[in-house]
C-alpha cells in the first residue's frame, strides 16, 4: 500500500459521524473469476488488490479499525489446491505489505487460531504484529482461521478455567469480562459490517461483537470493491438511527 496525500471525506459524508470500526466479509472472489472465465485462484489474487484499496480508503477517512474476514475455519473444507493458494496469497500479502504497514502507521492484529496455520505463515504474522505493535493510525484486524462459534467456545473454556482456579468470581462476570477472553480483546465492537458479493448472511463472523452493528450488503464482488463502494456503505450507515435497544444514538 503506497502512501498518498491525505484525502478529505466525500462531500456527502459527515466527518463527525464516521464509523470508528468497519468489518468486512470479503465475498465474491470465485464468482468474479468465473464470470471472466478464470480459475477461482485469480479471483483471490484480484481480491488482494481490493484489500489494498480498502485499507487506503479507510486510512483516508480516518477510520480507526478495519476487520477483514480473510480465512474462516470452514475454508479448510475447500479443495486442497484452493486452500494452498489462499494461504500462499496470505503469506505473500503480509510479507509484501509489512514495510508499508509500518511506514503508514497501521498495526496488524490477528483474530483467530494461529497455532493451526502453517508454521511459516504464523511466524511471519507474529513478526509483522511485533513490528507494527506501536502503530496508532489504523488497526488492521485480520480474521484468520477464525470462526465465531469457535471463538466463543474457546472464550468459555478459558473463562471456566479461570473461574475454577479462583481467578474470576462467577458472580462478577459481565459483558466486559467476557469480551476480554475473545480474539478481539482491546478492540471496539464494529459499528458497520459490510458484506460484498450479494449474499445476506453473517457466516459465523463476530457473533458476539456485532450485537448492535449496522449491516450493509453490497452486490459488488470483492475484487471490484473500492473507495466509492466504501463511501456508499458509510453514507448508508450515517443515514441510520442507532438505538442500541434504547434511545437514539446519532
Protein backbone atom coordinates (compact mmCIF):
# COMPACT_ATOMS: atom_id res chain seq x y z
CA UNK A 1 0.00 0.00 0.00
CA UNK A 2 1.58 3.23 -1.15
CA UNK A 3 1.48 6.40 0.90
CA UNK A 4 -0.86 9.03 -0.51
CA UNK A 5 -1.89 12.58 0.16
CA UNK A 6 -4.48 12.83 2.92
CA UNK A 7 -7.94 12.90 1.32
CA UNK A 8 -11.00 14.68 2.60
CA UNK A 9 -14.17 12.63 3.18
CA UNK A 10 -16.52 12.74 0.15
CA UNK A 11 -18.77 15.84 0.41
CA UNK A 12 -21.88 13.77 1.13
CA UNK A 13 -20.28 12.21 4.24
CA UNK A 14 -20.43 13.83 7.67
CA UNK A 15 -16.85 13.71 9.01
CA UNK A 16 -18.19 13.87 12.59
CA UNK A 17 -20.25 10.67 12.23
CA UNK A 18 -17.87 8.23 10.60
CA UNK A 19 -17.84 4.64 11.87
CA UNK A 20 -14.91 4.02 14.16
CA UNK A 21 -14.67 0.32 13.28
CA UNK A 22 -15.64 -1.23 9.93
CA UNK A 23 -15.73 -5.01 9.44
CA UNK A 24 -15.96 -6.63 6.00
CA UNK A 25 -16.90 -10.11 4.83
CA UNK A 26 -14.95 -10.21 1.56
CA UNK A 27 -17.19 -12.34 -0.66
CA UNK A 28 -17.42 -12.91 -4.39
CA UNK A 29 -13.86 -13.72 -5.48
CA UNK A 30 -14.85 -17.04 -7.06
CA UNK A 31 -17.88 -15.66 -8.91
CA UNK A 32 -15.83 -12.68 -10.12
CA UNK A 33 -13.32 -15.10 -11.63
CA UNK A 34 -15.97 -17.42 -13.09
CA UNK A 35 -17.66 -14.54 -14.94
CA UNK A 36 -14.32 -13.86 -16.62
CA UNK A 37 -13.57 -17.48 -17.43
CA UNK A 38 -10.71 -17.53 -14.93
CA UNK A 39 -9.81 -20.02 -12.19
CA UNK A 40 -11.02 -19.17 -8.69
CA UNK A 41 -7.46 -18.50 -7.59
CA UNK A 42 -7.33 -15.48 -9.92
CA UNK A 43 -10.32 -14.07 -8.09
CA UNK A 44 -8.43 -14.38 -4.81
CA UNK A 45 -5.44 -12.61 -6.37
CA UNK A 46 -7.65 -9.78 -7.59
CA UNK A 47 -9.19 -9.60 -4.12
CA UNK A 48 -5.75 -8.84 -2.73
CA UNK A 49 -5.74 -5.56 -4.66
CA UNK A 50 -9.15 -4.72 -3.19
CA UNK A 51 -7.63 -5.13 0.29
CA UNK A 52 -5.00 -2.53 -0.57
CA UNK A 53 -7.61 -0.10 -1.93
CA UNK A 54 -9.84 -0.54 1.11
CA UNK A 55 -7.00 -0.04 3.57
CA UNK A 56 -6.07 3.19 1.83
CA UNK A 57 -9.69 4.36 1.73
CA UNK A 58 -10.17 3.64 5.44
CA UNK A 59 -6.99 5.50 6.24
CA UNK A 60 -8.14 8.50 4.19
CA UNK A 61 -11.49 8.53 6.01
CA UNK A 62 -9.75 8.32 9.43
CA UNK A 63 -11.49 5.04 10.23
CA UNK A 64 -9.59 3.65 13.20
CA UNK A 65 -10.23 -0.11 12.90
CA UNK A 66 -10.75 -2.35 9.87
CA UNK A 67 -11.54 -6.04 10.34
CA UNK A 68 -11.34 -8.32 7.30
CA UNK A 69 -12.71 -11.87 7.24
CA UNK A 70 -9.74 -13.40 5.44
CA UNK A 71 -9.87 -17.16 6.15
CA UNK A 72 -12.53 -18.98 8.13
CA UNK A 73 -12.37 -22.27 9.98
CA UNK A 74 -14.83 -23.55 7.35
CA UNK A 75 -12.48 -22.63 4.49
CA UNK A 76 -10.39 -25.74 5.24
CA UNK A 77 -13.22 -27.72 3.58
CA UNK A 78 -12.45 -26.17 0.19
CA UNK A 79 -10.38 -28.09 -2.42
CA UNK A 80 -6.81 -28.55 -1.23
CA UNK A 81 -5.29 -26.59 -4.13
CA UNK A 82 -7.54 -23.60 -3.40
CA UNK A 83 -6.68 -23.68 0.31
CA UNK A 84 -2.99 -23.84 -0.58
CA UNK A 85 -3.36 -20.85 -2.90
CA UNK A 86 -5.28 -18.84 -0.29
CA UNK A 87 -2.58 -19.45 2.31
CA UNK A 88 0.17 -18.62 -0.20
CA UNK A 89 -1.55 -15.33 -1.06
CA UNK A 90 -1.86 -14.55 2.64
CA UNK A 91 1.84 -15.13 3.20
CA UNK A 92 2.74 -13.07 0.11
CA UNK A 93 0.48 -10.20 1.13
CA UNK A 94 1.80 -9.94 4.68
CA UNK A 95 5.41 -10.17 3.51
CA UNK A 96 4.91 -7.61 0.74
CA UNK A 97 2.92 -5.13 2.81
CA UNK A 98 4.88 -5.26 6.08
CA UNK A 99 7.04 -2.24 5.28
CA UNK A 100 4.07 -0.18 4.10
CA UNK A 101 2.03 -1.10 7.17
CA UNK A 102 4.88 0.04 9.38
CA UNK A 103 5.53 3.22 7.37
CA UNK A 104 1.84 4.22 7.25
CA UNK A 105 1.19 3.74 10.96
CA UNK A 106 -1.00 0.66 10.58
CA UNK A 107 -0.98 -2.00 13.29
CA UNK A 108 -1.64 -5.60 12.34
CA UNK A 109 -3.82 -7.61 14.70
CA UNK A 110 -4.93 -11.19 14.15
CA UNK A 111 -8.21 -12.70 15.34
CA UNK A 112 -8.10 -16.48 15.05
CA UNK A 113 -6.14 -19.61 15.81
CA UNK A 114 -2.58 -19.02 14.60
CA UNK A 115 -1.32 -22.25 16.14
CA UNK A 116 -3.06 -24.32 13.47
CA UNK A 117 -1.83 -22.33 10.49
CA UNK A 118 1.32 -23.44 8.62
CA UNK A 119 4.34 -22.58 10.73
CA UNK A 120 5.94 -20.21 8.20
CA UNK A 121 2.75 -18.16 7.86
CA UNK A 122 2.16 -17.98 11.62
CA UNK A 123 5.77 -16.90 12.16
CA UNK A 124 5.51 -14.13 9.54
CA UNK A 125 2.24 -12.89 11.03
CA UNK A 126 3.72 -12.75 14.53
CA UNK A 127 6.77 -10.94 13.19
CA UNK A 128 4.68 -8.24 11.49
CA UNK A 129 2.42 -7.88 14.52
CA UNK A 130 5.52 -7.26 16.64
CA UNK A 131 6.93 -4.77 14.12
CA UNK A 132 3.70 -2.75 13.98
CA UNK A 133 2.53 -3.06 17.58
CA UNK A 134 3.26 0.62 18.33
CA UNK A 135 1.34 1.99 15.34
CA UNK A 136 -1.77 4.02 16.12
CA UNK A 137 -3.15 5.42 12.87
CA UNK A 138 -5.28 2.40 11.97
CA UNK A 139 -5.63 -1.18 13.22
CA UNK A 140 -5.94 -3.85 10.54
CA UNK A 141 -7.56 -6.82 12.25
CA UNK A 142 -7.43 -9.93 10.05
CA UNK A 143 -9.76 -12.77 10.98
CA UNK A 144 -7.64 -15.80 10.04
CA UNK A 145 -8.52 -19.40 10.78
CA UNK A 146 -11.46 -17.76 12.51
CA UNK A 147 -14.99 -18.91 13.32
CA UNK A 148 -17.42 -17.09 15.56
CA UNK A 149 -18.65 -20.20 17.36
CA UNK A 150 -15.10 -21.50 17.83
CA UNK A 151 -14.12 -18.13 19.29
CA UNK A 152 -17.00 -18.24 21.78
CA UNK A 153 -16.20 -21.81 22.80
CA UNK A 154 -12.53 -21.07 23.44
CA UNK A 155 -13.53 -17.98 25.43
CA UNK A 156 -15.94 -20.02 27.56
CA UNK A 157 -13.30 -22.68 28.21
CA UNK A 158 -10.67 -20.14 29.27
CA UNK A 159 -13.16 -18.27 31.46
CA UNK A 160 -14.31 -21.53 33.07
CA UNK A 161 -10.69 -22.46 33.80
CA UNK A 162 -10.06 -19.07 35.43
CA UNK A 163 -13.27 -19.32 37.45
CA UNK A 164 -12.39 -22.84 38.63
CA UNK A 165 -8.93 -21.62 39.67
CA UNK A 166 -10.44 -18.74 41.63
CA UNK A 167 -9.06 -16.04 39.34
CA UNK A 168 -12.55 -14.88 38.34
CA UNK A 169 -15.62 -14.73 40.56
CA UNK A 170 -18.61 -16.14 38.63
CA UNK A 171 -20.92 -13.51 40.08
CA UNK A 172 -18.65 -10.77 38.74
CA UNK A 173 -18.70 -11.97 35.11
CA UNK A 174 -20.27 -9.35 32.85
CA UNK A 175 -20.08 -8.36 29.19
CA UNK A 176 -16.76 -6.57 29.62
CA UNK A 177 -15.23 -9.52 31.47
CA UNK A 178 -16.32 -11.98 28.80
CA UNK A 179 -15.07 -9.74 25.96
CA UNK A 180 -11.55 -9.91 27.37
CA UNK A 181 -11.46 -13.63 26.51
CA UNK A 182 -12.25 -13.04 22.83
CA UNK A 183 -9.74 -12.69 20.00
CA UNK A 184 -10.82 -9.06 19.68
CA UNK A 185 -9.81 -8.13 23.24
CA UNK A 186 -8.81 -4.47 23.21
CA UNK A 187 -10.75 -3.63 20.02
CA UNK A 188 -14.12 -1.84 19.98
CA UNK A 189 -17.09 -3.66 18.50
CA UNK A 190 -17.72 -2.91 14.81
CA UNK A 191 -20.03 -0.01 14.04
CA UNK A 192 -20.56 -1.14 10.45
CA UNK A 193 -20.38 -4.62 8.90
CA UNK A 194 -20.18 -4.79 5.10
CA UNK A 195 -20.67 -7.98 3.12
CA UNK A 196 -19.85 -7.93 -0.58
CA UNK A 197 -20.93 -10.38 -3.26
CA UNK A 198 -24.70 -10.14 -2.90
CA UNK A 199 -25.22 -12.69 -0.11
CA UNK A 200 -27.09 -11.58 3.02
CA UNK A 201 -25.87 -13.68 5.92
CA UNK A 202 -23.28 -13.41 8.70
CA UNK A 203 -21.43 -16.70 8.03
CA UNK A 204 -20.23 -17.31 11.58
CA UNK A 205 -18.44 -13.94 11.79
CA UNK A 206 -18.01 -11.91 15.00
CA UNK A 207 -21.16 -13.35 16.54
CA UNK A 208 -20.65 -11.67 19.92
CA UNK A 209 -19.20 -8.41 18.62
CA UNK A 210 -21.92 -7.46 16.10
CA UNK A 211 -24.83 -7.44 18.53
CA UNK A 212 -25.57 -3.79 17.67
CA UNK A 213 -23.58 -3.38 14.48
CA UNK A 214 -25.23 -1.83 11.42
CA UNK A 215 -25.30 -4.30 8.50
CA UNK A 216 -24.75 -3.32 4.87
CA UNK A 217 -24.97 -5.80 1.98
CA UNK A 218 -23.44 -4.96 -1.39
CA UNK A 219 -23.90 -6.77 -4.71
CA UNK A 220 -20.36 -5.80 -5.72
CA UNK A 221 -17.92 -8.69 -5.87
CA UNK A 222 -14.96 -8.16 -3.56
CA UNK A 223 -12.30 -7.76 -6.31
CA UNK A 224 -14.26 -4.74 -7.64
CA UNK A 225 -14.73 -3.10 -4.23
CA UNK A 226 -13.11 0.33 -3.95
CA UNK A 227 -13.28 3.68 -2.13
CA UNK A 228 -16.53 4.61 -3.87
CA UNK A 229 -18.26 1.47 -2.58
CA UNK A 230 -16.88 2.05 0.91
CA UNK A 231 -18.20 5.62 0.85
CA UNK A 232 -21.64 4.34 -0.20
CA UNK A 233 -21.69 1.96 2.77
CA UNK A 234 -20.61 4.72 5.16
CA UNK A 235 -23.26 7.04 3.71
CA UNK A 236 -25.92 4.38 4.37
CA UNK A 237 -24.54 3.98 7.91
CA UNK A 238 -24.86 7.73 8.52
CA UNK A 239 -28.48 7.63 7.40
CA UNK A 240 -29.50 5.20 10.14
CA UNK A 241 -30.63 5.87 13.70
CA UNK A 242 -28.71 3.72 16.15
CA UNK A 243 -30.75 2.93 19.26
CA UNK A 244 -28.80 0.09 20.92
CA UNK A 245 -32.10 -1.17 22.26
CA UNK A 246 -32.98 2.21 23.78
CA UNK A 247 -32.52 5.85 22.87
CA UNK A 248 -31.25 7.12 19.53
CA UNK A 249 -27.52 7.49 19.05
CA UNK A 250 -26.76 9.72 16.09
